[in-house]
Amino acid sequence: MHISREFVMMPEIERQTRKMSGETRDKEMSVYKSLMQGLDEAVKYQEGEINARRTLIAVKPVEMFSSENIKHIRKKVGLSQVVFASSLGVSKKTVEAWECGRNKPEGPSRRLLQIIRDNPAFIKQFILKG
């Protein structure tokens, strides 16, 4: 199951985005003026006075991990519990609890585990060798 979100790109924001990428050469606008114009366009869009580009984005759901899955991921990247925990921003006790099934990772930790499982090299950027 994917979670879908629809994002609306207001004309002024789209213009500014294109400007930043070099596609247009409109005169620079003050931050205040740009924000006010964007807010005005948001109100007009909400009231049906202008159209905006819509983009539908699907996000993979955050997976659940068993204690065995977590231990397998850690061993796959070749890290001790201490180094693995430190790279995830959690304590060694937390990783121990996950691996023996006392606790389960939540939200951001589950997403990080998913990323590390799918791309083991990802975690290496956080490890400094002395």
C-alpha atoms as a PDB file:
ATOM      1  CA  MET A   1       0.000   0.000   0.000  1.00  0.00           C
ATOM      2  CA  HIS A   2       1.363   3.396  -0.983  1.00  0.00           C
ATOM      3  CA  ILE A   3       0.393   6.639   0.651  1.00  0.00           C
ATOM      4  CA  SER A   4      -0.467   9.228  -1.962  1.00  0.00           C
ATOM      5  CA  ARG A   5      -0.222  12.937  -1.507  1.00  0.00           C
ATOM      6  CA  GLU A   6      -1.195  15.602  -3.988  1.00  0.00           C
ATOM      7  CA  PHE A   7       0.944  18.701  -4.114  1.00  0.00           C
ATOM      8  CA  VAL A   8      -0.173  21.878  -5.803  1.00  0.00           C
ATOM      9  CA  MET A   9       2.429  24.106  -7.449  1.00  0.00           C
ATOM     10  CA  MET A  10       1.236  27.702  -7.387  1.00  0.00           C
ATOM     11  CA  PRO A  11       2.155  29.789 -10.465  1.00  0.00           C
ATOM     12  CA  GLU A  12       4.520  32.121  -8.557  1.00  0.00           C
ATOM     13  CA  ILE A  13       6.307  29.246  -6.832  1.00  0.00           C
ATOM     14  CA  GLU A  14       6.617  27.466 -10.184  1.00  0.00           C
ATOM     15  CA  ARG A  15       8.045  30.659 -11.743  1.00  0.00           C
ATOM     16  CA  GLN A  16      10.536  31.046  -8.899  1.00  0.00           C
ATOM     17  CA  THR A  17      11.505  27.372  -9.174  1.00  0.00           C
ATOM     18  CA  ARG A  18      12.147  27.735 -12.893  1.00  0.00           C
ATOM     19  CA  LYS A  19      14.037  30.964 -12.238  1.00  0.00           C
ATOM     20  CA  MET A  20      16.337  29.221  -9.764  1.00  0.00           C
ATOM     21  CA  SER A  21      17.048  26.506 -12.301  1.00  0.00           C
ATOM     22  CA  GLY A  22      17.907  29.100 -14.942  1.00  0.00           C
ATOM     23  CA  GLU A  23      14.896  28.540 -17.209  1.00  0.00           C
ATOM     24  CA  THR A  24      13.633  32.129 -16.926  1.00  0.00           C
ATOM     25  CA  ARG A  25      15.269  35.486 -16.427  1.00  0.00           C
ATOM     26  CA  ASP A  26      12.522  37.425 -14.631  1.00  0.00           C
ATOM     27  CA  LYS A  27      13.712  40.309 -12.468  1.00  0.00           C
ATOM     28  CA  GLU A  28      14.520  39.328  -8.905  1.00  0.00           C
ATOM     29  CA  MET A  29      11.693  39.897  -6.501  1.00  0.00           C
ATOM     30  CA  SER A  30      12.051  40.778  -2.843  1.00  0.00           C
ATOM     31  CA  VAL A  31      11.326  37.936  -0.459  1.00  0.00           C
ATOM     32  CA  TYR A  32       8.369  39.840   0.996  1.00  0.00           C
ATOM     33  CA  LYS A  33       6.878  40.619  -2.398  1.00  0.00           C
ATOM     34  CA  SER A  34       7.378  37.020  -3.524  1.00  0.00           C
ATOM     35  CA  LEU A  35       5.714  35.620  -0.392  1.00  0.00           C
ATOM     36  CA  MET A  36       2.799  38.019  -0.677  1.00  0.00           C
ATOM     37  CA  GLN A  37       2.262  37.172  -4.336  1.00  0.00           C
ATOM     38  CA  GLY A  38       2.438  33.448  -3.535  1.00  0.00           C
ATOM     39  CA  LEU A  39      -0.086  33.799  -0.715  1.00  0.00           C
ATOM     40  CA  ASP A  40      -2.386  35.862  -2.937  1.00  0.00           C
ATOM     41  CA  GLU A  41      -2.199  33.144  -5.596  1.00  0.00           C
ATOM     42  CA  ALA A  42      -2.933  30.467  -2.976  1.00  0.00           C
ATOM     43  CA  VAL A  43      -6.099  32.308  -1.965  1.00  0.00           C
ATOM     44  CA  LYS A  44      -7.133  32.758  -5.606  1.00  0.00           C
ATOM     45  CA  TYR A  45      -6.503  29.065  -6.257  1.00  0.00           C
ATOM     46  CA  GLN A  46      -8.562  28.064  -3.212  1.00  0.00           C
ATOM     47  CA  GLU A  47     -11.407  30.270  -4.440  1.00  0.00           C
ATOM     48  CA  GLY A  48     -11.213  28.728  -7.927  1.00  0.00           C
ATOM     49  CA  GLU A  49      -9.995  31.887  -9.668  1.00  0.00           C
ATOM     50  CA  ILE A  50      -6.749  30.389 -11.023  1.00  0.00           C
ATOM     51  CA  ASN A  51      -5.475  26.935 -11.974  1.00  0.00           C
ATOM     52  CA  ALA A  52      -2.325  25.293 -10.677  1.00  0.00           C
ATOM     53  CA  ARG A  53      -0.274  22.311 -11.745  1.00  0.00           C
ATOM     54  CA  ARG A  54      -0.984  19.203  -9.637  1.00  0.00           C
ATOM     55  CA  THR A  55       1.434  16.383  -8.959  1.00  0.00           C
ATOM     56  CA  LEU A  56       0.431  13.103  -7.375  1.00  0.00           C
ATOM     57  CA  ILE A  57       3.213  11.524  -5.322  1.00  0.00           C
ATOM     58  CA  ALA A  58       3.152   8.011  -3.871  1.00  0.00           C
ATOM     59  CA  VAL A  59       5.306   7.212  -0.816  1.00  0.00           C
ATOM     60  CA  LYS A  60       6.245   3.676   0.162  1.00  0.00           C
ATOM     61  CA  PRO A  61       4.910   2.791   3.600  1.00  0.00           C
ATOM     62  CA  VAL A  62       7.387   2.400   6.448  1.00  0.00           C
ATOM     63  CA  GLU A  63       8.000  -1.308   6.973  1.00  0.00           C
ATOM     64  CA  MET A  64       7.978  -3.307  10.200  1.00  0.00           C
ATOM     65  CA  PHE A  65      11.120  -5.239  11.166  1.00  0.00           C
ATOM     66  CA  SER A  66      11.402  -8.372  13.293  1.00  0.00           C
ATOM     67  CA  SER A  67      14.277  -8.838  15.713  1.00  0.00           C
ATOM     68  CA  GLU A  68      15.821 -11.301  13.255  1.00  0.00           C
ATOM     69  CA  ASN A  69      15.525  -8.777  10.398  1.00  0.00           C
ATOM     70  CA  ILE A  70      17.309  -6.105  12.421  1.00  0.00           C
ATOM     71  CA  LYS A  71      20.130  -8.421  13.441  1.00  0.00           C
ATOM     72  CA  HIS A  72      20.499  -9.568   9.814  1.00  0.00           C
ATOM     73  CA  ILE A  73      20.694  -5.951   8.573  1.00  0.00           C
ATOM     74  CA  ARG A  74      23.341  -5.070  11.175  1.00  0.00           C
ATOM     75  CA  LYS A  75      25.433  -8.139  10.351  1.00  0.00           C
ATOM     76  CA  LYS A  76      25.027  -7.518   6.612  1.00  0.00           C
ATOM     77  CA  VAL A  77      26.717  -4.117   7.010  1.00  0.00           C
ATOM     78  CA  GLY A  78      29.338  -5.693   9.278  1.00  0.00           C
ATOM     79  CA  LEU A  79      28.883  -3.477  12.328  1.00  0.00           C
ATOM     80  CA  SER A  80      28.890  -4.148  16.047  1.00  0.00           C
ATOM     81  CA  GLN A  81      25.810  -3.195  18.039  1.00  0.00           C
ATOM     82  CA  VAL A  82      27.679  -0.161  19.436  1.00  0.00           C
ATOM     83  CA  VAL A  83      28.691   1.233  16.027  1.00  0.00           C
ATOM     84  CA  PHE A  84      25.338   0.368  14.436  1.00  0.00           C
ATOM     85  CA  ALA A  85      23.483   2.100  17.274  1.00  0.00           C
ATOM     86  CA  SER A  86      25.700   5.162  17.094  1.00  0.00           C
ATOM     87  CA  SER A  87      25.224   5.474  13.338  1.00  0.00           C
ATOM     88  CA  LEU A  88      21.429   5.299  13.788  1.00  0.00           C
ATOM     89  CA  GLY A  89      21.477   7.826  16.629  1.00  0.00           C
ATOM     90  CA  VAL A  90      20.209   5.376  19.245  1.00  0.00           C
ATOM     91  CA  SER A  91      21.816   3.666  22.230  1.00  0.00           C
ATOM     92  CA  LYS A  92      23.422   0.231  22.239  1.00  0.00           C
ATOM     93  CA  LYS A  93      20.691  -0.847  24.692  1.00  0.00           C
ATOM     94  CA  THR A  94      18.071   0.136  22.113  1.00  0.00           C
ATOM     95  CA  VAL A  95      19.663  -2.044  19.419  1.00  0.00           C
ATOM     96  CA  GLU A  96      19.992  -4.891  21.949  1.00  0.00           C
ATOM     97  CA  ALA A  97      16.287  -4.550  22.801  1.00  0.00           C
ATOM     98  CA  TRP A  98      15.336  -4.565  19.109  1.00  0.00           C
ATOM     99  CA  GLU A  99      17.448  -7.613  18.370  1.00  0.00           C
ATOM    100  CA  CYS A 100      16.108  -9.669  21.269  1.00  0.00           C
ATOM    101  CA  GLY A 101      12.505  -8.596  20.621  1.00  0.00           C
ATOM    102  CA  ARG A 102      11.901  -6.585  23.828  1.00  0.00           C
ATOM    103  CA  ASN A 103      11.217  -3.411  21.838  1.00  0.00           C
ATOM    104  CA  LYS A 104      10.458  -2.548  18.228  1.00  0.00           C
ATOM    105  CA  PRO A 105      11.843   0.400  16.271  1.00  0.00           C
ATOM    106  CA  GLU A 106       9.433   3.234  15.533  1.00  0.00           C
ATOM    107  CA  GLY A 107       8.969   5.726  12.678  1.00  0.00           C
ATOM    108  CA  PRO A 108      12.307   7.239  11.636  1.00  0.00           C
ATOM    109  CA  SER A 109      14.334   4.264  12.890  1.00  0.00           C
ATOM    110  CA  ARG A 110      12.209   1.899  10.787  1.00  0.00           C
ATOM    111  CA  ARG A 111      12.707   4.081   7.715  1.00  0.00           C
ATOM    112  CA  LEU A 112      16.476   4.141   8.325  1.00  0.00           C
ATOM    113  CA  LEU A 113      16.527   0.357   8.688  1.00  0.00           C
ATOM    114  CA  GLN A 114      14.637   0.099   5.407  1.00  0.00           C
ATOM    115  CA  ILE A 115      17.149   2.377   3.670  1.00  0.00           C
ATOM    116  CA  ILE A 116      20.140   0.495   5.111  1.00  0.00           C
ATOM    117  CA  ARG A 117      18.648  -2.870   4.174  1.00  0.00           C
ATOM    118  CA  ASP A 118      18.082  -1.719   0.583  1.00  0.00           C
ATOM    119  CA  ASN A 119      21.378   0.204   0.302  1.00  0.00           C
ATOM    120  CA  PRO A 120      23.969  -1.128   2.780  1.00  0.00           C
ATOM    121  CA  ALA A 121      26.581   1.416   1.629  1.00  0.00           C
ATOM    122  CA  PHE A 122      24.335   4.230   2.933  1.00  0.00           C
ATOM    123  CA  ILE A 123      25.409   3.734   6.554  1.00  0.00           C
ATOM    124  CA  LYS A 124      29.139   3.818   5.740  1.00  0.00           C
ATOM    125  CA  GLN A 125      29.044   7.594   5.261  1.00  0.00           C
ATOM    126  CA  PHE A 126      28.390   8.036   8.989  1.00  0.00           C
ATOM    127  CA  ILE A 127      31.315   5.905  10.141  1.00  0.00           C
ATOM    128  CA  LEU A 128      34.644   7.626  10.702  1.00  0.00           C
ATOM    129  CA  LYS A 129      37.688   5.401  10.762  1.00  0.00           C
ATOM    130  CA  GLY A 130      40.520   6.486  13.027  1.00  0.00           C
END
